[in-house]
Amino acid sequence: MIRFLKYMKGYLRVRVWGFSPERFMNLCSNKGILLWDIVREGDIYYMSITLKGFWELRPIVKKTGTRVAILERYGLPFFLPRLLKRKTFVAGLILAIAFWLLSSLFIWDIRLSGNYQITDDVFQSFLRENQVRIGMRQDMLDIQELEKQIRRQFPQITWASARLEGVRLLIDIKENDAPITIEKPDTDPGTDLVAEYAGRVVSIVVRSGVPKVAGDDIVEKGAVLVEGRVPVYNEDTTLREYQYVDADADILLEHTAEFTASLPLNHIEKRYTGREKSSHYIKLGDRSWALPENRPFLVYDSVIRETRPLMLERLSLPAFWGTVTYREYQNTEYKYTEEEAKAHLNQKLMDFLTELEEKGVQIIEKNVRIEKGGDAWVLTGQFLVQEPVGKSAPTERIEVGKTEEDE
């Protein structure tokens, strides 16, 4: 604290020599003039003295027959005059301070935490609808109203808190941990399970409904496998009524699946020439300015690298500096060899088979051929597979006393 006060008032480093430097220092002490950091080198003394004390030395110097020379000047009274001579620096400093002060009035970063069910994109859309965005003035934001809108818009949010920290808007939410129950429409039950493919029934295990097929039966596409209309009989075996249920069963169907893929004999391939050029741009929020905007080649790829100065990143200001590298290439016609064509087509086949396995489909037999057509390589494959089937469809309702033929 004492050093800071000395710097604010200003002080000098002086050299004292002559008839009686010791008497000089004693008189300064009697007059209340502060001297410190005194160093002796032979008959010469070096010391520090306040700026105010220096102007009171004239009578003491005459009385003691000493001489005083200024070596160095320290403190704000000496720094400011030198600073004011550098007009460009002073103008830049004033503009920088004004920029930081002006920027502190706006929101430059929005951070959300505590969201698991609600995605960031959905919440950002909500903020845009409520006119909450990066770059808005802080005094235009009603935090209490924003918290109310969050709880009103998202029923799964049980608690919401928003606060400003500097130029950041921090939003903390807590979602309901209990499972969300979805009310099912109040409709009467009654659905059948029908076949999506034509084939042979391998196995069927029914949990509810009436089975209409058995193992080894051949069925057509769309045939009813399990019916959701369950007949109820009287003691004399006459039909009393129908009860309708949602059919449920595990059904394995064997059928033939086909797959076809083609690959043109010739295709266009990029060949890079090795020529590259770069340009720079400045981005502020959603707007950017190229320095200069340049398109150096007729055909090219662009690689963008974007950075933000550390100071702006800590202040959360959306200001970026970017570089765009343009890489020239030529479109060259290329012809697949037989080995390359088979490798590409086999990869497509493996992707198809992997997709079948993920669906629980078992492959029993396969027959795959790769042939060269007029302008393309063609892969055709037939597969004998066993696949779980059973698509729900509404059950046809019949009134008691009527038969399907009557209707």
Protein backbone atom coordinates (compact mmCIF):
# COMPACT_ATOMS: atom_id res chain seq x y z
CA MET A 1 0.00 0.00 0.00
CA ILE A 2 2.85 2.41 0.86
CA ARG A 3 4.58 1.66 -2.46
CA PHE A 4 1.32 2.37 -4.31
CA LEU A 5 0.93 5.73 -2.56
CA LYS A 6 4.54 6.64 -3.39
CA TYR A 7 3.91 5.74 -7.03
CA MET A 8 0.73 7.84 -7.17
CA LYS A 9 2.47 10.91 -5.68
CA GLY A 10 5.72 10.39 -7.60
CA TYR A 11 9.30 10.11 -6.35
CA LEU A 12 12.90 10.57 -7.54
CA ARG A 13 16.13 8.63 -7.33
CA VAL A 14 18.89 11.19 -6.60
CA ARG A 15 22.65 11.35 -6.10
CA VAL A 16 24.00 13.51 -3.22
CA TRP A 17 27.68 14.54 -2.81
CA GLY A 18 29.67 17.52 -1.53
CA PHE A 19 30.90 19.02 1.76
CA SER A 20 28.59 17.26 4.28
CA PRO A 21 26.10 14.68 2.93
CA GLU A 22 25.55 13.31 6.45
CA ARG A 23 24.41 16.73 7.72
CA PHE A 24 22.20 16.95 4.60
CA MET A 25 20.36 13.76 5.60
CA ASN A 26 20.01 14.90 9.24
CA LEU A 27 18.43 18.21 8.22
CA CYS A 28 16.04 16.37 5.88
CA SER A 29 14.97 14.19 8.80
CA ASN A 30 14.41 17.30 10.99
CA LYS A 31 12.32 18.94 8.25
CA GLY A 32 10.17 15.78 7.85
CA ILE A 33 11.50 15.01 4.34
CA LEU A 34 11.38 11.25 3.76
CA LEU A 35 14.49 9.55 2.40
CA TRP A 36 14.75 5.79 1.76
CA ASP A 37 16.82 3.14 -0.04
CA ILE A 38 20.03 5.02 0.91
CA VAL A 39 23.19 3.54 -0.61
CA ARG A 40 26.78 4.88 -0.06
CA GLU A 41 29.56 4.54 -2.60
CA GLY A 42 32.64 6.34 -1.29
CA ASP A 43 31.75 9.99 -0.77
CA ILE A 44 28.57 9.72 -2.86
CA TYR A 45 25.13 8.79 -1.57
CA TYR A 46 22.22 7.45 -3.62
CA MET A 47 18.70 7.71 -2.20
CA SER A 48 15.01 8.04 -3.05
CA ILE A 49 12.99 11.13 -2.16
CA THR A 50 9.37 12.17 -2.66
CA LEU A 51 8.58 14.72 -5.31
CA LYS A 52 7.21 17.13 -2.69
CA GLY A 53 10.33 16.71 -0.53
CA PHE A 54 12.61 17.41 -3.50
CA TRP A 55 11.15 20.93 -3.92
CA GLU A 56 11.98 21.66 -0.25
CA LEU A 57 15.71 20.85 -0.58
CA ARG A 58 17.02 24.26 -1.77
CA PRO A 59 17.77 25.81 1.69
CA ILE A 60 19.21 22.53 2.99
CA VAL A 61 21.55 22.23 0.01
CA LYS A 62 22.86 25.81 0.52
CA LYS A 63 23.37 25.30 4.25
CA THR A 64 25.25 21.96 3.91
CA GLY A 65 27.26 22.77 0.78
CA THR A 66 26.09 19.65 -1.00
CA ARG A 67 24.89 19.03 -4.52
CA VAL A 68 21.89 16.96 -5.64
CA ALA A 69 21.39 15.42 -9.10
CA ILE A 70 18.28 13.61 -10.36
CA LEU A 71 19.03 10.13 -11.71
CA GLU A 72 15.58 8.65 -12.36
CA ARG A 73 11.93 9.68 -12.10
CA TYR A 74 9.15 7.34 -10.97
CA GLY A 75 5.40 7.55 -10.47
CA LEU A 76 2.20 8.67 -12.09
CA PRO A 77 3.09 12.39 -12.36
CA PHE A 78 5.92 11.44 -14.74
CA PHE A 79 4.13 8.60 -16.55
CA LEU A 80 1.01 10.53 -17.62
CA PRO A 81 2.79 13.32 -19.54
CA ARG A 82 4.78 10.73 -21.53
CA LEU A 83 1.61 8.74 -22.16
CA LEU A 84 -0.35 11.73 -23.42
CA LYS A 85 2.29 12.37 -26.07
CA ARG A 86 1.38 9.01 -27.69
CA LYS A 87 -1.97 10.07 -29.11
CA THR A 88 -2.57 6.87 -31.09
CA PHE A 89 -1.98 4.70 -28.04
CA VAL A 90 -4.24 6.86 -25.87
CA ALA A 91 -7.00 6.76 -28.50
CA GLY A 92 -6.70 2.98 -28.79
CA LEU A 93 -6.79 2.60 -25.02
CA ILE A 94 -9.91 4.75 -24.76
CA LEU A 95 -11.62 2.82 -27.56
CA ALA A 96 -10.70 -0.53 -25.95
CA ILE A 97 -12.10 0.55 -22.59
CA ALA A 98 -15.25 1.85 -24.28
CA PHE A 99 -15.59 -1.45 -26.18
CA TRP A 100 -15.36 -3.55 -23.01
CA LEU A 101 -17.77 -1.30 -21.16
CA LEU A 102 -20.24 -1.38 -24.06
CA SER A 103 -19.90 -5.16 -24.50
CA SER A 104 -20.67 -5.74 -20.83
CA LEU A 105 -24.20 -4.44 -21.44
CA PHE A 106 -25.08 -7.35 -23.75
CA ILE A 107 -25.48 -11.13 -23.46
CA TRP A 108 -22.79 -12.96 -25.42
CA ASP A 109 -23.19 -16.54 -24.21
CA ILE A 110 -26.14 -18.75 -23.19
CA ARG A 111 -25.44 -21.98 -21.31
CA LEU A 112 -27.97 -24.65 -20.37
CA SER A 113 -27.39 -27.35 -17.75
CA GLY A 114 -29.48 -30.12 -16.25
CA ASN A 115 -31.24 -31.11 -19.49
CA TYR A 116 -31.44 -34.79 -20.38
CA GLN A 117 -34.82 -35.29 -22.03
CA ILE A 118 -34.87 -31.87 -23.72
CA THR A 119 -32.24 -31.46 -26.43
CA ASP A 120 -30.18 -28.29 -26.82
CA ASP A 121 -31.70 -27.63 -30.28
CA VAL A 122 -35.25 -27.75 -28.91
CA PHE A 123 -34.35 -25.38 -26.07
CA GLN A 124 -32.58 -22.99 -28.44
CA SER A 125 -35.72 -22.87 -30.59
CA PHE A 126 -37.74 -22.05 -27.47
CA LEU A 127 -35.35 -19.20 -26.60
CA ARG A 128 -35.60 -17.76 -30.12
CA GLU A 129 -39.40 -17.84 -29.94
CA ASN A 130 -39.20 -15.86 -26.69
CA GLN A 131 -36.76 -13.30 -28.16
CA VAL A 132 -33.86 -14.48 -25.98
CA ARG A 133 -30.72 -14.55 -28.13
CA ILE A 134 -27.01 -13.86 -28.14
CA GLY A 135 -26.33 -10.16 -28.59
CA MET A 136 -29.43 -8.86 -26.79
CA ARG A 137 -29.20 -6.15 -24.14
CA GLN A 138 -29.20 -7.42 -20.58
CA ASP A 139 -31.77 -4.86 -19.45
CA MET A 140 -34.26 -6.24 -22.03
CA LEU A 141 -34.24 -9.68 -20.35
CA ASP A 142 -36.93 -10.40 -17.75
CA ILE A 143 -35.43 -13.34 -15.87
CA GLN A 144 -38.52 -14.08 -13.77
CA GLU A 145 -40.74 -14.16 -16.84
CA LEU A 146 -38.24 -16.41 -18.65
CA GLU A 147 -38.32 -18.92 -15.76
CA LYS A 148 -42.12 -18.94 -15.88
CA GLN A 149 -42.14 -19.54 -19.64
CA ILE A 150 -39.68 -22.44 -19.29
CA ARG A 151 -41.89 -24.22 -16.75
CA ARG A 152 -45.00 -23.46 -18.81
CA GLN A 153 -43.53 -24.70 -22.11
CA PHE A 154 -41.91 -27.90 -20.78
CA PRO A 155 -44.13 -29.85 -18.35
CA GLN A 156 -41.29 -32.28 -17.57
CA ILE A 157 -39.26 -29.45 -15.99
CA THR A 158 -39.93 -29.26 -12.24
CA TRP A 159 -37.48 -26.45 -11.43
CA ALA A 160 -35.82 -23.71 -13.49
CA SER A 161 -33.38 -20.96 -12.56
CA ALA A 162 -31.81 -18.28 -14.77
CA ARG A 163 -29.11 -15.82 -13.78
CA LEU A 164 -26.60 -13.44 -15.34
CA GLU A 165 -22.89 -13.81 -14.64
CA GLY A 166 -21.07 -11.06 -16.46
CA VAL A 167 -22.03 -11.42 -20.12
CA ARG A 168 -23.26 -15.02 -19.70
CA LEU A 169 -26.85 -16.15 -19.24
CA LEU A 170 -26.81 -19.35 -17.19
CA ILE A 171 -29.97 -21.49 -17.20
CA ASP A 172 -30.23 -24.43 -14.78
CA ILE A 173 -33.17 -26.81 -15.00
CA LYS A 174 -34.26 -30.01 -13.26
CA GLU A 175 -36.36 -32.52 -15.13
CA ASN A 176 -38.88 -34.89 -13.60
CA ASP A 177 -37.17 -38.23 -12.90
CA ALA A 178 -40.48 -40.12 -12.81
CA PRO A 179 -41.45 -41.82 -16.07
CA ILE A 180 -43.86 -39.84 -18.20
CA THR A 181 -47.09 -41.72 -18.72
CA ILE A 182 -48.76 -41.35 -22.07
CA GLU A 183 -52.51 -41.69 -21.98
CA LYS A 184 -53.69 -44.15 -24.57
CA PRO A 185 -56.81 -43.24 -26.51
CA ASP A 186 -59.95 -44.84 -25.12
CA THR A 187 -60.63 -47.31 -27.93
CA ASP A 188 -62.04 -50.81 -27.91
CA PRO A 189 -59.44 -53.61 -28.22
CA GLY A 190 -59.38 -55.88 -31.22
CA THR A 191 -56.38 -56.29 -33.54
CA ASP A 192 -55.12 -59.15 -35.72
CA LEU A 193 -51.57 -60.11 -36.59
CA VAL A 194 -51.01 -60.35 -40.34
CA ALA A 195 -48.04 -61.52 -42.41
CA GLU A 196 -45.77 -58.92 -44.01
CA TYR A 197 -44.36 -61.47 -46.45
CA ALA A 198 -45.41 -64.66 -48.21
CA GLY A 199 -43.66 -67.75 -46.89
CA ARG A 200 -43.72 -70.76 -44.58
CA VAL A 201 -44.56 -70.57 -40.90
CA VAL A 202 -41.65 -72.06 -38.95
CA SER A 203 -43.06 -71.62 -35.44
CA ILE A 204 -45.86 -69.80 -33.66
CA VAL A 205 -46.38 -69.15 -29.93
CA VAL A 206 -49.65 -67.33 -29.16
CA ARG A 207 -50.17 -65.32 -25.98
CA SER A 208 -53.55 -63.81 -26.84
CA GLY A 209 -55.96 -64.27 -29.74
CA VAL A 210 -56.93 -67.22 -31.92
CA PRO A 211 -54.17 -68.77 -34.11
CA LYS A 212 -55.23 -69.17 -37.73
CA VAL A 213 -52.08 -70.95 -38.93
CA ALA A 214 -49.79 -73.67 -37.64
CA GLY A 215 -46.19 -74.70 -38.17
CA ASP A 216 -45.22 -75.55 -41.80
CA ASP A 217 -48.29 -73.73 -43.18
CA ILE A 218 -47.72 -71.71 -46.35
CA VAL A 219 -49.19 -68.20 -46.09
CA GLU A 220 -49.60 -65.27 -48.47
CA LYS A 221 -48.66 -61.68 -47.80
CA GLY A 222 -51.40 -60.03 -45.73
CA ALA A 223 -52.85 -63.32 -44.44
CA VAL A 224 -54.21 -63.30 -40.88
CA LEU A 225 -51.86 -65.25 -38.63
CA VAL A 226 -53.53 -64.62 -35.25
CA GLU A 227 -57.08 -63.30 -34.98
CA GLY A 228 -58.15 -60.90 -32.26
CA ARG A 229 -61.79 -62.07 -32.32
CA VAL A 230 -62.24 -64.82 -29.73
CA PRO A 231 -65.57 -66.77 -29.84
CA VAL A 232 -67.35 -67.64 -26.59
CA TYR A 233 -69.73 -70.67 -26.70
CA ASN A 234 -72.73 -71.74 -24.67
CA GLU A 235 -72.92 -75.14 -22.95
CA ASP A 236 -74.69 -76.53 -26.01
CA THR A 237 -71.72 -75.39 -28.16
CA THR A 238 -73.70 -72.61 -29.78
CA LEU A 239 -72.01 -69.24 -30.23
CA ARG A 240 -72.92 -66.81 -27.51
CA GLU A 241 -70.65 -63.79 -28.26
CA TYR A 242 -67.27 -62.58 -29.44
CA GLN A 243 -64.63 -61.08 -27.21
CA TYR A 244 -62.12 -58.81 -28.87
CA VAL A 245 -58.47 -58.73 -27.81
CA ASP A 246 -55.23 -57.41 -29.19
CA ALA A 247 -53.52 -60.42 -30.74
CA ASP A 248 -50.05 -61.11 -29.37
CA ALA A 249 -47.70 -63.87 -30.52
CA ASP A 250 -44.14 -64.80 -31.48
CA ILE A 251 -44.22 -65.95 -35.12
CA LEU A 252 -41.19 -66.98 -37.18
CA LEU A 253 -41.68 -66.97 -40.95
CA GLU A 254 -39.35 -68.38 -43.58
CA HIS A 255 -39.35 -66.44 -46.84
CA THR A 256 -37.13 -65.24 -49.67
CA ALA A 257 -35.46 -61.81 -49.51
CA GLU A 258 -33.79 -60.16 -52.49
CA PHE A 259 -31.06 -57.57 -52.71
CA THR A 260 -29.75 -55.68 -55.76
CA ALA A 261 -26.91 -53.15 -55.99
CA SER A 262 -25.23 -51.58 -58.98
CA LEU A 263 -21.98 -49.72 -59.60
CA PRO A 264 -21.35 -47.68 -62.79
CA LEU A 265 -18.37 -48.80 -64.86
CA ASN A 266 -17.10 -45.22 -65.06
CA HIS A 267 -17.30 -42.54 -62.42
CA ILE A 268 -15.93 -39.08 -61.73
CA GLU A 269 -13.15 -38.90 -59.15
CA LYS A 270 -11.46 -35.89 -57.55
CA ARG A 271 -7.77 -35.49 -58.28
CA TYR A 272 -6.10 -32.73 -56.26
CA THR A 273 -3.52 -30.65 -58.10
CA GLY A 274 -1.63 -29.60 -54.97
CA ARG A 275 -2.37 -25.90 -55.50
CA GLU A 276 -3.79 -24.15 -52.43
CA LYS A 277 -4.66 -20.59 -51.47
CA SER A 278 -5.97 -19.15 -48.23
CA SER A 279 -8.10 -16.20 -47.20
CA HIS A 280 -9.21 -14.91 -43.83
CA TYR A 281 -12.46 -13.72 -42.34
CA ILE A 282 -13.86 -12.17 -39.18
CA LYS A 283 -17.05 -13.52 -37.64
CA LEU A 284 -19.18 -11.70 -35.10
CA GLY A 285 -22.22 -13.64 -33.97
CA ASP A 286 -23.99 -14.94 -37.08
CA ARG A 287 -22.38 -12.45 -39.48
CA SER A 288 -18.98 -12.78 -41.13
CA TRP A 289 -16.78 -10.59 -43.32
CA ALA A 290 -14.13 -11.99 -45.68
CA LEU A 291 -10.70 -10.31 -45.90
CA PRO A 292 -10.98 -10.26 -48.88
CA GLU A 293 -13.60 -12.62 -50.28
CA ASN A 294 -11.71 -14.74 -52.77
CA ARG A 295 -12.50 -17.67 -55.11
CA PRO A 296 -9.10 -18.51 -56.57
CA PHE A 297 -9.90 -21.67 -58.58
CA LEU A 298 -12.62 -22.85 -60.90
CA VAL A 299 -13.17 -26.13 -58.99
CA TYR A 300 -12.04 -26.46 -55.40
CA ASP A 301 -12.70 -27.75 -51.89
CA SER A 302 -12.77 -25.49 -48.84
CA VAL A 303 -11.25 -26.26 -45.43
CA ILE A 304 -12.31 -23.87 -42.67
CA ARG A 305 -10.36 -23.37 -39.45
CA GLU A 306 -11.92 -21.06 -36.88
CA THR A 307 -10.36 -19.77 -33.66
CA ARG A 308 -11.22 -17.25 -30.97
CA PRO A 309 -8.70 -15.17 -28.99
CA LEU A 310 -8.33 -16.39 -25.41
CA MET A 311 -9.42 -13.06 -23.97
CA LEU A 312 -12.65 -13.04 -26.04
CA GLU A 313 -13.26 -16.68 -25.16
CA ARG A 314 -13.05 -15.94 -21.43
CA LEU A 315 -15.43 -13.02 -21.90
CA SER A 316 -17.73 -15.29 -23.99
CA LEU A 317 -17.85 -12.76 -26.83
CA PRO A 318 -18.89 -14.48 -30.11
CA ALA A 319 -16.03 -12.97 -32.11
CA PHE A 320 -13.91 -15.34 -34.20
CA TRP A 321 -10.99 -15.24 -36.58
CA GLY A 322 -11.07 -17.81 -39.35
CA THR A 323 -8.99 -19.09 -42.24
CA VAL A 324 -10.41 -20.67 -45.39
CA THR A 325 -8.04 -22.86 -47.40
CA TYR A 326 -9.04 -23.51 -51.00
CA ARG A 327 -7.69 -26.74 -52.55
CA GLU A 328 -7.91 -27.04 -56.31
CA TYR A 329 -8.93 -30.37 -57.85
CA GLN A 330 -9.85 -31.74 -61.26
CA ASN A 331 -12.75 -34.02 -62.10
CA THR A 332 -11.19 -37.09 -63.69
CA GLU A 333 -13.11 -39.94 -65.28
CA TYR A 334 -12.09 -43.21 -63.66
CA LYS A 335 -12.98 -46.81 -64.57
CA TYR A 336 -13.37 -49.44 -61.85
CA THR A 337 -11.33 -52.61 -62.17
CA GLU A 338 -13.07 -55.90 -61.52
CA GLU A 339 -11.44 -56.22 -58.09
CA GLU A 340 -12.44 -52.67 -57.08
CA ALA A 341 -16.02 -53.19 -58.30
CA LYS A 342 -16.40 -56.44 -56.35
CA ALA A 343 -14.95 -54.82 -53.22
CA HIS A 344 -17.46 -51.93 -53.38
CA LEU A 345 -20.43 -54.19 -54.09
CA ASN A 346 -19.45 -56.68 -51.38
CA GLN A 347 -19.30 -53.81 -48.89
CA LYS A 348 -22.87 -52.83 -49.83
CA LEU A 349 -23.89 -56.48 -49.40
CA MET A 350 -22.27 -56.65 -45.94
CA ASP A 351 -24.13 -53.49 -44.89
CA PHE A 352 -27.41 -55.10 -46.02
CA LEU A 353 -26.70 -58.34 -44.14
CA THR A 354 -25.69 -56.44 -41.01
CA GLU A 355 -28.98 -54.56 -41.13
CA LEU A 356 -30.87 -57.88 -41.36
CA GLU A 357 -29.00 -59.31 -38.37
CA GLU A 358 -29.82 -56.22 -36.31
CA LYS A 359 -33.52 -56.90 -37.00
CA GLY A 360 -33.16 -60.48 -35.72
CA VAL A 361 -33.30 -62.08 -39.18
CA GLN A 362 -31.56 -65.44 -39.57
CA ILE A 363 -30.02 -66.21 -42.98
CA ILE A 364 -30.49 -69.88 -43.96
CA GLU A 365 -29.24 -69.85 -47.57
CA LYS A 366 -27.83 -67.25 -49.91
CA ASN A 367 -27.12 -67.03 -53.61
CA VAL A 368 -25.12 -64.00 -54.74
CA ARG A 369 -23.85 -63.11 -58.21
CA ILE A 370 -21.80 -60.18 -59.51
CA GLU A 371 -22.02 -59.59 -63.25
CA LYS A 372 -20.86 -56.93 -65.67
CA GLY A 373 -23.71 -55.31 -67.55
CA GLY A 374 -23.70 -52.76 -70.33
CA ASP A 375 -22.58 -49.75 -68.31
CA ALA A 376 -22.44 -51.05 -64.74
CA TRP A 377 -21.45 -53.86 -62.43
CA VAL A 378 -24.56 -55.45 -60.90
CA LEU A 379 -24.85 -57.54 -57.71
CA THR A 380 -27.99 -59.66 -57.28
CA GLY A 381 -28.68 -61.82 -54.28
CA GLN A 382 -31.44 -64.12 -53.08
CA PHE A 383 -31.58 -65.13 -49.44
CA LEU A 384 -33.69 -67.68 -47.64
CA VAL A 385 -34.31 -66.13 -44.24
CA GLN A 386 -36.29 -66.73 -41.09
CA GLU A 387 -37.73 -63.53 -39.70
CA PRO A 388 -40.10 -62.56 -36.86
CA VAL A 389 -43.36 -61.30 -38.40
CA GLY A 390 -46.76 -60.12 -37.30
CA LYS A 391 -48.10 -56.66 -38.14
CA SER A 392 -51.14 -55.38 -36.26
CA ALA A 393 -54.34 -54.74 -38.22
CA PRO A 394 -57.90 -53.96 -37.05
CA THR A 395 -60.04 -57.01 -36.38
CA GLU A 396 -63.23 -57.31 -38.38
CA ARG A 397 -66.17 -57.13 -35.99
CA ILE A 398 -69.15 -59.47 -36.30
CA GLU A 399 -72.44 -59.15 -34.45
CA VAL A 400 -73.67 -62.21 -32.57
CA GLY A 401 -76.07 -64.18 -34.68
CA LYS A 402 -74.39 -63.17 -37.94
CA THR A 403 -71.62 -64.95 -39.75
CA GLU A 404 -68.91 -63.63 -42.03
CA GLU A 405 -70.85 -65.03 -45.03
CA ASP A 406 -73.99 -63.14 -43.95
CA GLU A 407 -72.06 -59.92 -44.02
